[in-house]
Amino acid sequence: MPSRPGLDRRVIVQKAAQIADEQGLHNLTLAAVATKLGVRLPSLYNHIGGLANLNLGLAALGLRELGAQLSKAAVGKTGDEAIIAIANAYRVFAHTRPGLYEATLHAPDPDDDEMQTEAKNVVDILLTVLQPYELSDDDALHVVRGLRSIAHGFVSLEAAGAFGHALTLDESYHQLISTFMQGLKAKSR
């Protein structure tokens, strides 16, 4: 297979994200990416330094897309409404981009400027919507961690099929986020 014109890191990462979403991040290989792109495996190494480097690109792309979804969800909203919208957007992102979502779960590599920037953007979105609660800087970061932990825990259990009861998952998630919001309001008083 010849090298394909227009092949670059961005194209490779996008194709890898598609494969990860369809087959799971754990099933992603450079060989699978090369096959999907119609190129030889060595052609990828001109743009990607290996699977670890590809995973960093996926994490940065995932954080960028997640940040865009959270930002879009929060536009025109404040306070509780903004946080609920963000929590819902987080869940939707995890469902619609499961492989890419999984790539975002590790703390950003301190030596990777792109990942650091994208992770900071996501946190900054959350910190912005938390401003009306007048939390200290440390408390606001604790709230960001808490919201992420709650949303991630739910979507992970949901994806694993761990909820077998007949109750609707949407209502369970809504009640979970509502309970979190009550705690947030109590903390900000």
Protein backbone atom coordinates (compact mmCIF):
# COMPACT_ATOMS: atom_id res chain seq x y z
CA MET A 1 0.00 0.00 0.00
CA PRO A 2 1.48 3.36 -0.95
CA SER A 3 1.77 6.33 1.37
CA ARG A 4 -1.40 8.35 1.13
CA PRO A 5 -1.26 12.05 0.27
CA GLY A 6 -2.60 14.20 3.07
CA LEU A 7 -1.69 11.69 5.75
CA ASP A 8 -0.72 13.56 8.90
CA ARG A 9 -0.97 13.26 12.67
CA ARG A 10 -4.46 14.81 12.77
CA VAL A 11 -5.85 12.35 10.19
CA ILE A 12 -4.26 9.41 12.00
CA VAL A 13 -5.60 10.46 15.40
CA GLN A 14 -9.10 11.03 13.96
CA LYS A 15 -9.12 7.55 12.38
CA ALA A 16 -7.78 6.02 15.61
CA ALA A 17 -10.58 7.75 17.54
CA GLN A 18 -13.14 6.25 15.18
CA ILE A 19 -11.67 2.78 15.68
CA ALA A 20 -11.52 3.24 19.46
CA ASP A 21 -15.17 4.32 19.51
CA GLU A 22 -16.26 1.36 17.40
CA GLN A 23 -14.06 -1.40 18.86
CA GLY A 24 -12.86 -0.09 22.23
CA LEU A 25 -9.66 1.72 23.12
CA HIS A 26 -8.13 -1.52 24.38
CA ASN A 27 -8.50 -3.01 20.87
CA LEU A 28 -6.78 -0.12 19.12
CA THR A 29 -3.56 -1.04 17.30
CA LEU A 30 -1.38 0.82 14.88
CA ALA A 31 -1.94 -2.00 12.39
CA ALA A 32 -5.70 -1.44 12.57
CA VAL A 33 -5.23 2.29 11.97
CA ALA A 34 -2.93 1.66 9.00
CA THR A 35 -5.43 -0.79 7.51
CA LYS A 36 -8.35 1.65 7.91
CA LEU A 37 -6.30 4.42 6.32
CA GLY A 38 -5.13 2.16 3.50
CA VAL A 39 -1.43 2.69 4.20
CA ARG A 40 1.47 0.56 5.32
CA LEU A 41 2.22 0.47 9.01
CA PRO A 42 5.66 2.14 8.58
CA SER A 43 3.89 5.15 7.02
CA LEU A 44 2.28 5.88 10.39
CA TYR A 45 5.64 6.14 12.10
CA ASN A 46 6.45 9.20 9.99
CA HIS A 47 3.68 10.98 11.91
CA ILE A 48 3.10 8.99 15.13
CA GLY A 49 5.95 7.78 17.31
CA GLY A 50 4.14 4.62 18.32
CA LEU A 51 1.01 3.54 20.15
CA ALA A 52 1.85 5.50 23.31
CA ASN A 53 2.19 8.69 21.28
CA LEU A 54 -1.07 7.92 19.48
CA ASN A 55 -2.82 7.50 22.83
CA LEU A 56 -1.56 10.94 23.88
CA GLY A 57 -3.04 12.36 20.70
CA LEU A 58 -6.33 10.62 21.42
CA ALA A 59 -6.38 11.99 24.96
CA ALA A 60 -5.81 15.54 23.71
CA LEU A 61 -8.48 15.15 21.03
CA GLY A 62 -10.90 13.70 23.57
CA LEU A 63 -10.32 16.54 26.01
CA ARG A 64 -10.74 19.08 23.21
CA GLU A 65 -14.03 17.52 22.07
CA LEU A 66 -15.27 17.09 25.64
CA GLY A 67 -14.43 20.71 26.40
CA ALA A 68 -16.31 21.86 23.31
CA GLN A 69 -19.37 19.84 24.34
CA LEU A 70 -19.28 21.13 27.93
CA SER A 71 -18.83 24.70 26.76
CA LYS A 72 -21.69 24.41 24.29
CA ALA A 73 -23.94 22.94 26.99
CA ALA A 74 -23.17 25.79 29.40
CA VAL A 75 -23.69 28.68 26.97
CA GLY A 76 -26.47 30.98 28.16
CA LYS A 77 -26.86 29.15 31.46
CA THR A 78 -25.69 29.95 34.97
CA GLY A 79 -25.57 28.27 38.34
CA ASP A 80 -27.48 25.03 38.79
CA GLU A 81 -28.78 25.04 35.23
CA ALA A 82 -25.24 25.27 33.81
CA ILE A 83 -23.88 22.51 36.03
CA ILE A 84 -26.77 20.17 35.22
CA ALA A 85 -26.29 20.89 31.50
CA ILE A 86 -22.58 20.14 31.81
CA ALA A 87 -23.22 16.90 33.69
CA ASN A 88 -25.66 15.82 30.98
CA ALA A 89 -23.23 16.77 28.20
CA TYR A 90 -20.50 14.75 29.94
CA ARG A 91 -22.74 11.69 29.93
CA VAL A 92 -23.70 12.16 26.28
CA PHE A 93 -20.04 12.51 25.29
CA ALA A 94 -19.15 9.30 27.15
CA HIS A 95 -21.95 7.48 25.31
CA THR A 96 -21.33 8.86 21.83
CA ARG A 97 -17.50 8.74 21.90
CA PRO A 98 -16.76 5.80 24.23
CA GLY A 99 -13.23 5.06 23.04
CA LEU A 100 -12.25 8.70 22.90
CA TYR A 101 -13.82 9.26 26.32
CA GLU A 102 -11.75 6.41 27.76
CA ALA A 103 -8.61 8.04 26.37
CA THR A 104 -9.33 11.16 28.47
CA LEU A 105 -9.39 9.39 31.82
CA HIS A 106 -5.73 9.63 32.76
CA ALA A 107 -4.19 12.74 34.28
CA PRO A 108 -2.50 14.81 31.59
CA ASP A 109 1.18 14.16 31.03
CA PRO A 110 3.01 17.14 32.57
CA ASP A 111 5.42 17.17 29.60
CA ASP A 112 2.68 17.25 26.97
CA ASP A 113 1.74 20.89 26.36
CA GLU A 114 -1.23 20.04 24.14
CA MET A 115 -2.76 17.75 26.74
CA GLN A 116 -2.09 20.23 29.53
CA THR A 117 -3.82 22.98 27.55
CA GLU A 118 -6.86 20.85 26.71
CA ALA A 119 -7.21 19.58 30.30
CA LYS A 120 -6.93 23.13 31.64
CA ASN A 121 -9.63 24.28 29.22
CA VAL A 122 -12.06 21.64 30.53
CA VAL A 123 -11.33 22.56 34.15
CA ASP A 124 -11.65 26.28 33.36
CA ILE A 125 -15.12 25.73 31.89
CA LEU A 126 -16.21 24.09 35.11
CA LEU A 127 -14.56 26.71 37.29
CA THR A 128 -16.34 29.43 35.33
CA VAL A 129 -19.79 27.94 35.91
CA LEU A 130 -18.94 27.51 39.60
CA GLN A 131 -18.19 31.23 40.11
CA PRO A 132 -21.74 32.11 41.31
CA TYR A 133 -21.26 29.71 44.23
CA GLU A 134 -18.39 31.86 45.58
CA LEU A 135 -16.20 28.92 46.54
CA SER A 136 -12.56 29.22 47.46
CA ASP A 137 -10.14 28.15 44.73
CA ASP A 138 -9.41 24.87 46.51
CA ASP A 139 -13.09 24.14 47.18
CA ALA A 140 -13.96 24.84 43.55
CA LEU A 141 -11.34 22.31 42.42
CA HIS A 142 -12.71 19.77 44.90
CA VAL A 143 -16.18 20.32 43.41
CA VAL A 144 -14.81 19.84 39.87
CA ARG A 145 -13.22 16.57 40.95
CA GLY A 146 -16.41 15.51 42.70
CA LEU A 147 -18.64 16.22 39.72
CA ARG A 148 -16.28 14.39 37.37
CA SER A 149 -16.11 11.43 39.75
CA ILE A 150 -19.87 11.19 40.06
CA ALA A 151 -20.50 11.53 36.33
CA HIS A 152 -17.69 9.12 35.44
CA GLY A 153 -18.80 6.54 37.99
CA PHE A 154 -22.33 6.57 36.65
CA VAL A 155 -21.42 6.43 32.97
CA SER A 156 -18.86 3.68 33.60
CA LEU A 157 -21.36 1.51 35.43
CA GLU A 158 -23.96 2.29 32.78
CA ALA A 159 -21.59 1.31 29.95
CA ALA A 160 -20.74 -1.93 31.72
CA GLY A 161 -24.44 -2.82 31.96
CA ALA A 162 -24.29 -2.77 35.75
CA PHE A 163 -27.77 -1.29 36.23
CA GLY A 164 -30.30 -4.08 35.90
CA HIS A 165 -33.30 -2.64 37.68
CA ALA A 166 -36.28 -1.41 35.67
CA LEU A 167 -35.90 2.20 36.84
CA THR A 168 -34.91 4.58 34.07
CA LEU A 169 -31.25 5.46 33.97
CA ASP A 170 -32.04 9.05 32.98
CA GLU A 171 -34.01 9.54 36.18
CA SER A 172 -31.31 7.89 38.30
CA TYR A 173 -28.69 10.19 36.77
CA HIS A 174 -30.92 13.23 37.25
CA GLN A 175 -31.41 12.37 40.93
CA LEU A 176 -27.68 11.78 41.39
CA ILE A 177 -26.79 15.18 39.93
CA SER A 178 -29.62 16.87 41.88
CA THR A 179 -28.27 15.42 45.12
CA PHE A 180 -24.79 16.66 44.22
CA MET A 181 -26.25 20.12 43.56
CA GLN A 182 -27.90 20.18 46.99
CA GLY A 183 -24.52 19.51 48.58
CA LEU A 184 -22.92 22.20 46.44
CA LYS A 185 -25.53 24.75 47.48
CA ALA A 186 -25.06 23.86 51.15
CA LYS A 187 -21.28 24.25 50.77
CA SER A 188 -21.59 27.68 49.14
CA ARG A 189 -23.76 29.18 51.90
